[in-house]
């Protein structure tokens, strides 16, 4: 079971903490799940570890079960035990009128089964469409496309004091986090 905390911080994987692609970049991948080369965003593991010191943490991705399992095992430090690691099977499917495709969305009310109300749930995500119904519970980060130099998550970890200080996560101005270290 996860370390008790008064807030739950959920991490998305693709383009938030990692980038997966079929063609290798100009450097070796951090993880290989054939045919994918997976690049871990700088500070991703550190961010999860720092969050786990203060909050309950979880991972929720729209990826396939095996994909999410392998990547999560790589990212989580031995002492970080997430409350859950969910994949696309826990997502809701919605049709996109504009792209004529299905979108996997994340219904944050599902975490209430663990005793967390929406006032204490934060998701760190790159795609606002996936959490459109819960925008007040989200910090949207810039999409990660495999760049070797990236400080987005390092800046985000400095925002944990603000997250910890509020009683209702939905009241926090989540646009301010990227200005913490003078972006």
Protein backbone atom coordinates (compact mmCIF):
# COMPACT_ATOMS: atom_id res chain seq x y z
CA UNK A 1 0.00 0.00 0.00
CA UNK A 2 1.14 3.55 -0.69
CA UNK A 3 2.46 5.92 1.92
CA UNK A 4 -0.46 7.84 3.41
CA UNK A 5 -0.64 11.45 2.35
CA UNK A 6 -3.34 14.05 2.42
CA UNK A 7 -3.04 14.59 -1.35
CA UNK A 8 -2.80 12.25 -4.31
CA UNK A 9 -0.50 13.21 -7.19
CA UNK A 10 -1.10 11.21 -10.37
CA UNK A 11 1.50 11.13 -13.13
CA UNK A 12 0.76 10.57 -16.81
CA UNK A 13 3.45 8.78 -18.82
CA UNK A 14 3.52 9.54 -22.56
CA UNK A 15 4.84 12.98 -23.43
CA UNK A 16 4.72 13.88 -19.70
CA UNK A 17 7.40 11.63 -18.18
CA UNK A 18 8.57 9.73 -21.27
CA UNK A 19 8.56 9.81 -25.06
CA UNK A 20 8.21 6.65 -27.13
CA UNK A 21 8.95 6.35 -30.84
CA UNK A 22 9.74 3.68 -33.39
CA UNK A 23 12.83 5.46 -34.75
CA UNK A 24 15.77 5.92 -32.41
CA UNK A 25 16.94 9.46 -31.70
CA UNK A 26 20.60 10.45 -31.94
CA UNK A 27 21.26 8.66 -28.63
CA UNK A 28 20.37 5.26 -27.18
CA UNK A 29 16.93 4.86 -25.66
CA UNK A 30 16.50 4.52 -21.89
CA UNK A 31 14.06 1.63 -22.33
CA UNK A 32 13.32 -0.59 -25.31
CA UNK A 33 9.99 -2.32 -25.76
CA UNK A 34 10.16 -3.58 -29.33
CA UNK A 35 9.57 -1.83 -31.62
CA UNK A 36 9.62 1.25 -29.39
CA UNK A 37 12.58 3.32 -28.20
CA UNK A 38 11.57 5.06 -24.97
CA UNK A 39 13.27 8.19 -23.70
CA UNK A 40 12.78 9.20 -20.07
CA UNK A 41 12.34 12.91 -19.51
CA UNK A 42 15.12 14.45 -17.43
CA UNK A 43 14.21 14.55 -13.70
CA UNK A 44 11.19 12.22 -14.15
CA UNK A 45 12.29 9.68 -11.53
CA UNK A 46 13.45 12.46 -9.22
CA UNK A 47 10.08 14.20 -9.50
CA UNK A 48 8.21 11.04 -8.57
CA UNK A 49 10.56 10.39 -5.62
CA UNK A 50 10.21 13.95 -4.34
CA UNK A 51 6.44 13.80 -4.69
CA UNK A 52 6.33 10.48 -2.82
CA UNK A 53 8.07 12.10 0.15
CA UNK A 54 5.11 14.46 0.62
CA UNK A 55 2.12 12.95 -1.15
CA UNK A 56 0.57 9.69 -2.17
CA UNK A 57 1.57 9.04 -5.78
CA UNK A 58 0.09 7.05 -8.65
CA UNK A 59 0.61 6.52 -12.38
CA UNK A 60 -2.20 6.62 -14.92
CA UNK A 61 -1.55 6.25 -18.63
CA UNK A 62 -3.63 5.57 -21.71
CA UNK A 63 -0.95 3.07 -22.76
CA UNK A 64 -1.38 -0.70 -22.97
CA UNK A 65 -1.07 -2.74 -19.76
CA UNK A 66 2.37 -4.28 -20.48
CA UNK A 67 3.78 -0.99 -21.78
CA UNK A 68 2.66 0.87 -18.64
CA UNK A 69 3.97 -1.87 -16.37
CA UNK A 70 7.47 -1.91 -17.88
CA UNK A 71 7.84 1.87 -17.94
CA UNK A 72 6.48 2.28 -14.40
CA UNK A 73 8.92 -0.29 -13.04
CA UNK A 74 11.76 1.64 -14.67
CA UNK A 75 10.64 5.04 -13.35
CA UNK A 76 9.74 4.13 -9.79
CA UNK A 77 12.56 4.06 -7.28
CA UNK A 78 12.67 0.96 -5.08
CA UNK A 79 11.27 2.93 -2.15
CA UNK A 80 8.39 4.50 -4.11
CA UNK A 81 5.26 2.40 -3.93
CA UNK A 82 2.41 3.94 -5.92
CA UNK A 83 -1.19 3.71 -4.78
CA UNK A 84 -2.00 2.37 -8.24
CA UNK A 85 -0.58 2.00 -11.73
CA UNK A 86 -3.44 2.24 -14.21
CA UNK A 87 -3.40 1.79 -17.95
CA UNK A 88 -5.93 2.37 -20.74
CA UNK A 89 -8.25 -0.26 -19.27
CA UNK A 90 -9.11 2.27 -16.53
CA UNK A 91 -9.64 5.11 -19.02
CA UNK A 92 -12.92 6.12 -20.62
CA UNK A 93 -13.23 6.15 -24.40
CA UNK A 94 -14.73 9.16 -26.07
CA UNK A 95 -15.15 9.82 -29.76
CA UNK A 96 -13.43 12.86 -31.18
CA UNK A 97 -15.59 14.66 -33.69
CA UNK A 98 -12.62 16.54 -35.16
CA UNK A 99 -10.15 13.68 -35.60
CA UNK A 100 -12.69 10.89 -36.17
CA UNK A 101 -10.89 8.78 -33.59
CA UNK A 102 -11.27 7.62 -30.02
CA UNK A 103 -9.68 9.49 -27.16
CA UNK A 104 -8.84 7.87 -23.85
CA UNK A 105 -9.84 10.18 -21.00
CA UNK A 106 -9.22 9.94 -17.27
CA UNK A 107 -12.19 10.15 -14.92
CA UNK A 108 -10.63 11.36 -11.68
CA UNK A 109 -13.73 10.46 -9.68
CA UNK A 110 -12.48 6.86 -9.92
CA UNK A 111 -9.86 7.58 -7.23
CA UNK A 112 -12.61 8.17 -4.68
CA UNK A 113 -12.50 4.38 -4.10
CA UNK A 114 -9.20 5.05 -2.28
CA UNK A 115 -10.72 7.77 -0.08
CA UNK A 116 -9.46 10.78 -2.02
CA UNK A 117 -11.96 13.50 -2.88
CA UNK A 118 -11.34 15.72 -5.88
CA UNK A 119 -10.19 18.52 -3.58
CA UNK A 120 -7.06 16.49 -2.81
CA UNK A 121 -6.27 15.05 -6.27
CA UNK A 122 -3.75 16.51 -8.72
CA UNK A 123 -2.84 15.01 -12.08
CA UNK A 124 0.28 15.99 -13.99
CA UNK A 125 -0.54 15.61 -17.67
CA UNK A 126 0.57 16.93 -21.05
CA UNK A 127 -2.77 16.59 -22.86
CA UNK A 128 -5.61 18.78 -21.56
CA UNK A 129 -8.14 16.82 -23.66
CA UNK A 130 -7.57 13.68 -21.56
CA UNK A 131 -8.60 15.48 -18.38
CA UNK A 132 -10.91 18.16 -19.78
CA UNK A 133 -13.62 17.44 -17.21
CA UNK A 134 -11.08 17.92 -14.40
CA UNK A 135 -9.02 20.89 -15.56
CA UNK A 136 -8.98 22.34 -12.03
CA UNK A 137 -7.19 19.20 -10.85
CA UNK A 138 -4.46 19.32 -13.48
CA UNK A 139 -1.06 20.78 -14.07
CA UNK A 140 -0.40 20.74 -17.80
CA UNK A 141 3.25 20.38 -18.74
CA UNK A 142 4.85 20.97 -22.12
CA UNK A 143 4.91 17.83 -24.23
CA UNK A 144 8.19 15.95 -24.04
CA UNK A 145 9.44 14.75 -27.42
CA UNK A 146 12.71 13.19 -26.34
CA UNK A 147 14.92 16.24 -25.93
CA UNK A 148 18.14 15.47 -24.02
CA UNK A 149 18.00 18.87 -22.31
CA UNK A 150 14.74 19.59 -20.53
CA UNK A 151 14.14 21.23 -17.14
CA UNK A 152 10.34 21.22 -17.09
CA UNK A 153 10.04 18.59 -14.34
CA UNK A 154 12.85 20.07 -12.27
CA UNK A 155 10.93 23.37 -12.16
CA UNK A 156 7.73 21.53 -11.32
CA UNK A 157 9.26 19.87 -8.25
CA UNK A 158 9.91 23.30 -6.76
CA UNK A 159 6.14 23.88 -6.84
CA UNK A 160 5.37 21.15 -4.28
CA UNK A 161 5.28 23.68 -1.42
CA UNK A 162 2.37 25.47 -3.09
CA UNK A 163 0.57 22.17 -3.70
CA UNK A 164 1.07 21.13 -0.10
CA UNK A 165 -0.17 24.46 1.27
CA UNK A 166 -3.69 24.45 -0.20
CA UNK A 167 -6.63 22.59 1.28
CA UNK A 168 -8.43 22.30 -2.07
CA UNK A 169 -6.17 21.56 -5.04
CA UNK A 170 -8.80 23.01 -7.39
CA UNK A 171 -8.24 26.48 -5.89
CA UNK A 172 -4.52 26.52 -6.70
CA UNK A 173 -3.51 28.63 -9.69
CA UNK A 174 -1.74 25.91 -11.61
CA UNK A 175 -0.43 28.30 -14.24
CA UNK A 176 2.06 29.75 -11.77
CA UNK A 177 4.23 26.64 -11.39
CA UNK A 178 6.28 27.32 -14.52
CA UNK A 179 7.38 30.70 -13.17
CA UNK A 180 8.87 29.31 -9.94
CA UNK A 181 12.46 29.30 -11.23
CA UNK A 182 12.11 32.16 -13.68
CA UNK A 183 11.10 30.23 -16.77
